[in-house]
Amino acid sequence: MFQFPEKYQQYIHRLSDVRVLGQIVFVVIVLLISWSGVKVIHANYQLQQQIVRLQQENEVQRLKNENQKLKNEYYNSPQYLELAARQNFGLAAPGEKELLVPKAVALAHVPAQAVIEQDAGRAGNASKKIFYARNIEAWIDFFFHRTPTMD
């Protein structure tokens, strides 16, 4: 049969003692219970995080619904209906007179730079700069105290 070296013989003899075996079994059981407890605590923590996230999503959705209700109330208000009628259909309130100004007369009283920019905006929608280029130019204008360009 297999023989352990002399220095290990005393350890093997100690392991055969019932008290040492009892302690080893006790330690193993404590470790197993602790491990399962840690897993349960971790699972509860993850579930709690999920509950908090869902509560926040519910709160955000509730606020969106409340905002939409306020918008709907505004859209049904007489003030909005009056503004929509003025903008979309050219209507006026009773007793008001609507003045139609010819384009040439209106443009005669507008600064020339605004007319050039408006015409350039109509003609060159494709030539508009991308966002980050406009952003960089805006920052440069800000730091050098220049008047911003309208692109």
Protein backbone atom coordinates (compact mmCIF):
# COMPACT_ATOMS: atom_id res chain seq x y z
CA MET A 1 0.00 0.00 0.00
CA PHE A 2 1.01 3.59 -0.50
CA GLN A 3 3.06 5.10 2.32
CA PHE A 4 3.17 8.83 2.99
CA PRO A 5 6.49 10.41 3.93
CA GLU A 6 7.27 10.67 7.63
CA LYS A 7 6.63 14.42 7.87
CA TYR A 8 3.07 13.98 6.53
CA GLN A 9 2.29 11.05 8.78
CA GLN A 10 1.55 13.28 11.75
CA TYR A 11 -0.90 15.42 9.71
CA ILE A 12 -2.72 12.32 8.52
CA HIS A 13 -2.87 11.04 12.10
CA ARG A 14 -4.40 14.39 13.21
CA LEU A 15 -7.02 14.18 10.43
CA SER A 16 -8.19 10.86 11.78
CA ASP A 17 -9.13 12.57 15.06
CA VAL A 18 -12.91 13.07 15.32
CA ARG A 19 -12.60 16.62 16.68
CA VAL A 20 -10.51 17.77 13.68
CA LEU A 21 -12.88 16.08 11.23
CA GLY A 22 -15.81 17.79 12.98
CA GLN A 23 -14.13 21.18 12.68
CA ILE A 24 -13.39 20.62 8.99
CA VAL A 25 -16.99 19.60 8.31
CA PHE A 26 -18.23 22.62 10.30
CA VAL A 27 -16.01 25.00 8.30
CA VAL A 28 -17.18 23.49 4.99
CA ILE A 29 -20.84 23.86 6.01
CA VAL A 30 -20.27 27.48 7.13
CA LEU A 31 -18.59 28.26 3.79
CA LEU A 32 -21.42 26.67 1.80
CA ILE A 33 -24.07 28.58 3.77
CA SER A 34 -22.12 31.82 3.39
CA TRP A 35 -21.74 31.28 -0.35
CA SER A 36 -25.46 30.67 -0.84
CA GLY A 37 -26.21 33.73 1.33
CA VAL A 38 -23.94 35.89 -0.80
CA LYS A 39 -25.68 34.65 -3.95
CA VAL A 40 -29.09 35.49 -2.47
CA ILE A 41 -27.92 38.95 -1.41
CA HIS A 42 -26.52 39.58 -4.90
CA ALA A 43 -29.76 38.43 -6.54
CA ASN A 44 -31.78 40.71 -4.23
CA TYR A 45 -29.50 43.63 -5.04
CA GLN A 46 -29.97 43.10 -8.79
CA LEU A 47 -33.75 42.83 -8.37
CA GLN A 48 -33.78 46.01 -6.31
CA GLN A 49 -31.83 47.83 -9.04
CA GLN A 50 -34.32 46.59 -11.62
CA ILE A 51 -37.25 47.77 -9.48
CA VAL A 52 -35.71 51.24 -9.10
CA ARG A 53 -35.03 51.47 -12.85
CA LEU A 54 -38.62 50.47 -13.69
CA GLN A 55 -39.99 52.97 -11.15
CA GLN A 56 -37.92 55.72 -12.77
CA GLU A 57 -39.16 54.71 -16.23
CA ASN A 58 -42.75 54.78 -14.93
CA GLU A 59 -42.20 58.25 -13.48
CA VAL A 60 -40.74 59.52 -16.77
CA GLN A 61 -43.68 58.06 -18.70
CA ARG A 62 -46.14 59.59 -16.23
CA LEU A 63 -44.51 63.00 -16.74
CA LYS A 64 -44.66 62.57 -20.53
CA ASN A 65 -48.36 61.71 -20.29
CA GLU A 66 -48.99 64.72 -18.08
CA ASN A 67 -47.12 66.94 -20.54
CA GLN A 68 -49.17 65.55 -23.42
CA LYS A 69 -52.40 66.24 -21.50
CA LEU A 70 -51.31 69.86 -21.01
CA LYS A 71 -50.51 70.15 -24.73
CA ASN A 72 -53.91 68.72 -25.61
CA GLU A 73 -55.60 71.22 -23.29
CA TYR A 74 -53.65 74.03 -24.97
CA TYR A 75 -54.58 72.79 -28.44
CA ASN A 76 -58.25 72.85 -27.44
CA SER A 77 -58.02 76.34 -25.91
CA PRO A 78 -59.52 79.36 -27.68
CA GLN A 79 -56.12 81.11 -27.72
CA TYR A 80 -54.52 78.34 -29.77
CA LEU A 81 -57.49 78.09 -32.12
CA GLU A 82 -57.31 81.84 -32.74
CA LEU A 83 -53.55 81.71 -33.43
CA ALA A 84 -53.94 78.71 -35.73
CA ALA A 85 -56.73 80.45 -37.65
CA ARG A 86 -54.57 83.56 -38.08
CA GLN A 87 -51.46 81.66 -39.16
CA ASN A 88 -52.94 78.92 -41.32
CA PHE A 89 -56.03 80.52 -42.83
CA GLY A 90 -55.25 84.25 -42.70
CA LEU A 91 -58.35 84.95 -40.64
CA ALA A 92 -58.77 87.88 -38.30
CA ALA A 93 -60.95 88.63 -35.30
CA PRO A 94 -64.16 90.60 -35.84
CA GLY A 95 -63.39 94.31 -36.20
CA GLU A 96 -59.76 93.76 -37.25
CA LYS A 97 -58.49 94.64 -40.69
CA GLU A 98 -55.87 92.58 -42.44
CA LEU A 99 -53.24 94.51 -44.36
CA LEU A 100 -51.53 92.86 -47.31
CA VAL A 101 -48.15 94.38 -48.02
CA PRO A 102 -46.54 93.67 -51.39
CA LYS A 103 -43.22 91.84 -51.21
CA ALA A 104 -41.30 94.66 -52.91
CA VAL A 105 -42.53 97.20 -50.35
CA ALA A 106 -41.73 94.90 -47.42
CA LEU A 107 -38.21 94.17 -48.73
CA ALA A 108 -37.52 97.87 -49.22
CA HIS A 109 -37.58 98.33 -45.43
CA VAL A 110 -35.42 95.28 -44.59
CA PRO A 111 -31.61 95.55 -44.29
CA ALA A 112 -29.82 94.33 -47.42
CA GLN A 113 -27.73 91.77 -45.49
CA ALA A 114 -30.90 89.97 -44.28
CA VAL A 115 -32.23 89.73 -47.85
CA ILE A 116 -28.92 88.28 -49.12
CA GLU A 117 -28.83 85.72 -46.30
CA GLN A 118 -32.45 84.75 -46.92
CA ASP A 119 -31.83 84.26 -50.64
CA ALA A 120 -28.65 82.28 -49.94
CA GLY A 121 -30.59 80.06 -47.54
CA ARG A 122 -33.21 79.27 -50.16
CA ALA A 123 -30.72 78.63 -52.93
CA GLY A 124 -28.17 76.55 -51.07
CA ASN A 125 -29.80 74.14 -48.64
CA ALA A 126 -27.33 71.51 -49.86
CA SER A 127 -24.40 73.83 -49.16
CA LYS A 128 -25.20 74.06 -45.45
CA LYS A 129 -22.30 73.16 -43.21
CA ILE A 130 -22.41 70.14 -40.99
CA PHE A 131 -23.09 70.63 -37.30
CA TYR A 132 -19.60 70.40 -35.91
CA ALA A 133 -18.21 72.87 -38.50
CA ARG A 134 -20.88 75.41 -37.54
CA ASN A 135 -20.18 74.73 -33.87
CA ILE A 136 -16.44 75.36 -34.26
CA GLU A 137 -17.09 78.58 -36.18
CA ALA A 138 -19.55 79.72 -33.50
CA TRP A 139 -16.94 79.17 -30.78
CA ILE A 140 -14.29 81.03 -32.79
CA ASP A 141 -16.72 83.92 -33.28
CA PHE A 142 -17.45 83.90 -29.55
CA PHE A 143 -13.81 83.98 -28.46
CA PHE A 144 -12.80 86.67 -30.97
CA HIS A 145 -15.92 88.80 -30.27
CA ARG A 146 -17.10 88.62 -33.85
CA THR A 147 -20.69 88.81 -34.99
CA PRO A 148 -21.88 85.28 -35.73
CA THR A 149 -22.52 84.35 -39.33
CA MET A 150 -25.91 82.92 -40.21
CA ASP A 151 -25.37 79.67 -42.13
